[in-house]
Amino acid sequence: MRYLMEKAWWERLGITLKYSLYVITHPLDGFWDLTHEKRGSMGAANVIISLAVIVEVLRMTLTNFQFVTVNMEYFNSLIVAMRILLPVGLWTVANWSLTTLMDGKGRMHEIYMSVCYALTPYVIINAVMILISQFITFDEGAIYWVLAGFAAVWTGLLLLSAMMMVHDYSLLKTLFSSILTVIGMGVMVFIFVIFFSLISDAIAYFVSLYKELMFRLI
C-alpha cells in the first residue's frame, strides 16, 4: 500500500482515468492503446467500476419515484452492487476462458480493465439522469428513457469494441465470441446454483440427522 503515498501513482491514476473520456469517443484507437500501449491502469478501472456501483445505488435511491420505484424496507445496497460486480466478473472469466481457446490475445486483467472502461458512459449518463429526474414530469419521461437506452447501447458498443481490440479479432469473430461468452456466463451461474443447492441440501441433511440423534439420545 506504500504506492498510495506516492505522488507519481496518483498522477498516473488521474491521467489514465481521464483517458477513459478519450476511449468512449474513440473506441477502436482508445481500446487498442489502452492495453497495447499501456495507456490504461487497473487503478482507474477499479475507480470506474466503483463509481458505477455508487451511481447504481444512488439511482435506485435518489431518482424521482415516477421513474424508479423501490421498497426501501427491502432495499439492500450489496445486492444492488452485485448487479454491477457479478456481470463484470462473470464476463471477464467467461470471456478469458473462451478466447484462450480461440487465439484471443487478451489476458484476464486486460479484459477486466477494458470492461470497466466501457462502463464510463453508464456512470456519466446515469449520474445525469438522477439530476434530470428531479426536474421533469412523468409526461416528459421520454427524455429519461431515451437517455437510459442511449447509455445501454453506448456501453454495449464500447464492450464489443473493447473485445475486438483486446483480442485482435474481426467484428464477426468478436460477435461470435461475445455470444459464446454470454452462454458461458449462463453455464457458470447454473453450475454455481447447482453447487450451492447441493451444499445447502447436504447441510440440511446433516442438521436433521444431528437433531434426530439428539432426540433419540435425550
Protein backbone atom coordinates (compact mmCIF):
# COMPACT_ATOMS: atom_id res chain seq x y z
CA MET A 1 0.00 0.00 0.00
CA ARG A 2 3.06 2.25 0.04
CA TYR A 3 2.40 3.32 -3.54
CA LEU A 4 -0.73 5.16 -2.34
CA MET A 5 1.58 7.69 -0.72
CA GLU A 6 3.49 8.31 -3.94
CA LYS A 7 2.63 11.39 -5.98
CA ALA A 8 3.57 9.66 -9.25
CA TRP A 9 0.95 6.94 -8.64
CA TRP A 10 -1.82 9.50 -8.15
CA GLU A 11 -0.71 11.44 -11.22
CA ARG A 12 -0.84 8.28 -13.36
CA LEU A 13 -4.25 7.41 -11.88
CA GLY A 14 -5.55 10.83 -12.90
CA ILE A 15 -4.11 10.53 -16.42
CA THR A 16 -5.47 7.01 -17.00
CA LEU A 17 -8.83 7.97 -15.53
CA LYS A 18 -9.05 11.00 -17.83
CA TYR A 19 -8.13 8.71 -20.73
CA SER A 20 -11.50 6.96 -20.29
CA LEU A 21 -13.11 10.04 -21.88
CA TYR A 22 -10.97 9.52 -24.98
CA VAL A 23 -11.79 5.81 -25.04
CA ILE A 24 -15.57 6.34 -25.14
CA THR A 25 -15.30 8.80 -28.04
CA HIS A 26 -12.58 6.96 -29.99
CA PRO A 27 -13.28 3.33 -29.02
CA LEU A 28 -11.15 1.47 -31.58
CA ASP A 29 -7.99 3.54 -31.15
CA GLY A 30 -8.75 4.04 -27.47
CA PHE A 31 -9.08 0.39 -26.51
CA TRP A 32 -6.08 -0.60 -28.63
CA ASP A 33 -3.86 1.94 -26.88
CA LEU A 34 -5.50 1.12 -23.54
CA THR A 35 -3.92 -2.33 -23.48
CA HIS A 36 -1.23 -2.44 -26.15
CA GLU A 37 0.26 0.98 -25.41
CA LYS A 38 -0.39 0.69 -21.65
CA ARG A 39 -2.44 3.89 -21.51
CA GLY A 40 -4.91 2.39 -19.05
CA SER A 41 -4.43 1.23 -15.47
CA MET A 42 -6.05 -1.19 -13.08
CA GLY A 43 -6.38 1.64 -10.57
CA ALA A 44 -8.52 3.68 -12.98
CA ALA A 45 -10.54 0.56 -13.87
CA ASN A 46 -11.28 -0.05 -10.20
CA VAL A 47 -12.30 3.59 -9.74
CA ILE A 48 -14.69 3.40 -12.70
CA ILE A 49 -16.38 0.20 -11.53
CA SER A 50 -16.63 1.64 -8.00
CA LEU A 51 -18.29 4.74 -9.43
CA ALA A 52 -20.65 2.51 -11.42
CA VAL A 53 -21.70 0.78 -8.20
CA ILE A 54 -22.16 4.09 -6.37
CA VAL A 55 -24.18 5.58 -9.23
CA GLU A 56 -26.39 2.49 -9.39
CA VAL A 57 -27.10 2.70 -5.65
CA LEU A 58 -27.84 6.44 -5.95
CA ARG A 59 -30.02 5.84 -9.00
CA MET A 60 -32.15 3.39 -7.04
CA THR A 61 -32.46 5.66 -4.02
CA LEU A 62 -32.43 9.25 -5.35
CA THR A 63 -34.19 9.00 -8.71
CA ASN A 64 -37.68 10.53 -8.73
CA PHE A 65 -40.25 7.92 -7.71
CA GLN A 66 -42.07 8.48 -11.02
CA PHE A 67 -39.28 6.61 -12.82
CA VAL A 68 -37.85 4.21 -10.24
CA THR A 69 -39.94 2.65 -7.50
CA VAL A 70 -38.01 0.98 -4.71
CA ASN A 71 -39.35 -0.50 -1.49
CA MET A 72 -36.74 0.85 0.92
CA GLU A 73 -37.84 -1.66 3.55
CA TYR A 74 -36.26 -4.43 1.46
CA PHE A 75 -33.55 -2.36 -0.23
CA ASN A 76 -30.06 -3.86 0.06
CA SER A 77 -27.13 -1.90 -1.36
CA LEU A 78 -24.98 -5.06 -1.50
CA ILE A 79 -27.48 -6.75 -3.81
CA VAL A 80 -27.54 -3.63 -6.00
CA ALA A 81 -23.72 -3.62 -6.08
CA MET A 82 -23.69 -7.24 -7.20
CA ARG A 83 -25.83 -6.25 -10.20
CA ILE A 84 -22.70 -4.47 -11.45
CA LEU A 85 -19.87 -6.54 -9.99
CA LEU A 86 -21.22 -10.01 -10.78
CA PRO A 87 -21.79 -9.48 -14.54
CA VAL A 88 -18.36 -7.85 -14.88
CA GLY A 89 -16.67 -10.71 -13.03
CA LEU A 90 -18.56 -13.39 -14.94
CA TRP A 91 -17.89 -11.73 -18.30
CA THR A 92 -14.17 -11.41 -17.51
CA VAL A 93 -13.76 -15.06 -16.52
CA ALA A 94 -16.02 -16.49 -19.23
CA ASN A 95 -14.52 -14.37 -22.00
CA TRP A 96 -10.95 -15.15 -20.98
CA SER A 97 -11.72 -18.87 -20.73
CA LEU A 98 -13.29 -18.99 -24.20
CA THR A 99 -10.95 -16.65 -26.07
CA THR A 100 -7.95 -18.57 -24.77
CA LEU A 101 -9.22 -21.42 -26.95
CA MET A 102 -9.94 -19.07 -29.86
CA ASP A 103 -6.50 -17.48 -30.26
CA GLY A 104 -7.50 -14.41 -28.27
CA LYS A 105 -4.58 -12.17 -27.32
CA GLY A 106 -6.15 -10.54 -24.29
CA ARG A 107 -5.14 -11.50 -20.78
CA MET A 108 -7.62 -11.60 -17.92
CA HIS A 109 -6.59 -8.29 -16.35
CA GLU A 110 -6.76 -6.60 -19.77
CA ILE A 111 -10.29 -7.92 -20.33
CA TYR A 112 -11.36 -6.72 -16.89
CA MET A 113 -9.79 -3.30 -17.42
CA SER A 114 -11.45 -2.89 -20.84
CA VAL A 115 -14.86 -3.87 -19.47
CA CYS A 116 -14.51 -1.32 -16.67
CA TYR A 117 -13.53 1.45 -19.09
CA ALA A 118 -16.57 0.53 -21.23
CA LEU A 119 -18.77 1.37 -18.23
CA THR A 120 -17.78 5.06 -18.38
CA PRO A 121 -20.90 6.19 -20.32
CA TYR A 122 -23.08 4.27 -17.87
CA VAL A 123 -21.56 6.23 -14.97
CA ILE A 124 -21.80 9.63 -16.64
CA ILE A 125 -25.25 9.31 -18.20
CA ASN A 126 -26.88 7.71 -15.16
CA ALA A 127 -25.48 10.44 -12.93
CA VAL A 128 -27.09 12.99 -15.27
CA MET A 129 -30.34 11.00 -15.27
CA ILE A 130 -30.57 11.21 -11.49
CA LEU A 131 -30.45 15.00 -11.70
CA ILE A 132 -32.82 15.23 -14.68
CA SER A 133 -35.42 13.04 -12.96
CA GLN A 134 -35.82 15.72 -10.28
CA PHE A 135 -36.93 18.36 -12.79
CA ILE A 136 -39.13 16.56 -15.31
CA THR A 137 -42.66 15.26 -15.04
CA PHE A 138 -43.90 11.80 -15.91
CA ASP A 139 -45.24 13.12 -19.22
CA GLU A 140 -41.73 14.26 -20.08
CA GLY A 141 -40.30 10.90 -19.08
CA ALA A 142 -39.34 10.09 -22.67
CA ILE A 143 -36.18 12.10 -22.05
CA TYR A 144 -35.28 9.84 -19.14
CA TRP A 145 -35.91 6.59 -21.00
CA VAL A 146 -34.09 7.76 -24.14
CA LEU A 147 -31.04 8.54 -22.02
CA ALA A 148 -31.29 5.14 -20.33
CA GLY A 149 -31.45 3.37 -23.69
CA PHE A 150 -28.62 5.51 -25.08
CA ALA A 151 -26.40 4.62 -22.10
CA ALA A 152 -27.08 0.90 -22.58
CA VAL A 153 -26.41 0.97 -26.34
CA TRP A 154 -23.27 3.08 -25.99
CA THR A 155 -21.89 0.78 -23.27
CA GLY A 156 -22.70 -2.30 -25.36
CA LEU A 157 -20.94 -0.91 -28.43
CA LEU A 158 -17.92 0.00 -26.32
CA LEU A 159 -17.82 -3.51 -24.90
CA LEU A 160 -17.77 -5.01 -28.40
CA SER A 161 -15.06 -2.56 -29.47
CA ALA A 162 -13.05 -3.45 -26.37
CA MET A 163 -13.19 -7.17 -27.06
CA MET A 164 -12.30 -6.61 -30.71
CA MET A 165 -9.19 -4.58 -29.88
CA VAL A 166 -8.06 -6.59 -26.84
CA HIS A 167 -8.18 -9.93 -28.68
CA ASP A 168 -7.33 -8.51 -32.11
CA TYR A 169 -10.49 -10.06 -33.59
CA SER A 170 -12.60 -9.21 -36.59
CA LEU A 171 -16.13 -7.90 -35.97
CA LEU A 172 -17.76 -11.26 -36.79
CA LYS A 173 -15.39 -13.17 -34.53
CA THR A 174 -15.99 -10.62 -31.79
CA LEU A 175 -19.76 -11.07 -32.08
CA PHE A 176 -19.38 -14.86 -32.08
CA SER A 177 -17.07 -14.86 -29.05
CA SER A 178 -19.40 -12.44 -27.23
CA ILE A 179 -22.39 -14.73 -27.80
CA LEU A 180 -20.35 -17.66 -26.50
CA THR A 181 -19.31 -15.54 -23.52
CA VAL A 182 -22.95 -14.83 -22.61
CA ILE A 183 -23.70 -18.56 -22.90
CA GLY A 184 -20.64 -19.29 -20.77
CA MET A 185 -21.86 -16.85 -18.13
CA GLY A 186 -25.20 -18.67 -18.04
CA VAL A 187 -23.45 -22.02 -17.65
CA MET A 188 -21.31 -20.65 -14.81
CA VAL A 189 -24.37 -19.30 -12.99
CA PHE A 190 -26.14 -22.64 -13.48
CA ILE A 191 -23.16 -24.56 -12.06
CA PHE A 192 -22.94 -22.19 -9.06
CA VAL A 193 -26.65 -22.58 -8.37
CA ILE A 194 -26.44 -26.37 -8.58
CA PHE A 195 -23.32 -26.40 -6.38
CA PHE A 196 -24.81 -24.23 -3.64
CA SER A 197 -28.08 -26.16 -3.86
CA LEU A 198 -26.22 -29.41 -3.23
CA ILE A 199 -24.25 -27.84 -0.39
CA SER A 200 -27.41 -26.49 1.26
CA ASP A 201 -29.15 -29.88 0.88
CA ALA A 202 -26.14 -31.63 2.42
CA ILE A 203 -26.06 -29.21 5.34
CA ALA A 204 -29.80 -29.60 5.87
CA TYR A 205 -29.41 -33.40 5.83
CA PHE A 206 -26.66 -33.41 8.46
CA VAL A 207 -28.55 -30.91 10.62
CA SER A 208 -31.68 -33.06 10.53
CA LEU A 209 -29.57 -36.17 11.25
CA TYR A 210 -27.97 -34.43 14.23
CA LYS A 211 -31.37 -33.36 15.59
CA GLU A 212 -32.71 -36.91 15.18
CA LEU A 213 -29.74 -38.39 17.05
CA MET A 214 -30.03 -35.83 19.84
CA PHE A 215 -33.77 -36.51 20.09
CA ARG A 216 -33.22 -40.26 20.44
CA LEU A 217 -30.32 -39.90 22.88
CA ILE A 218 -32.20 -37.50 25.12
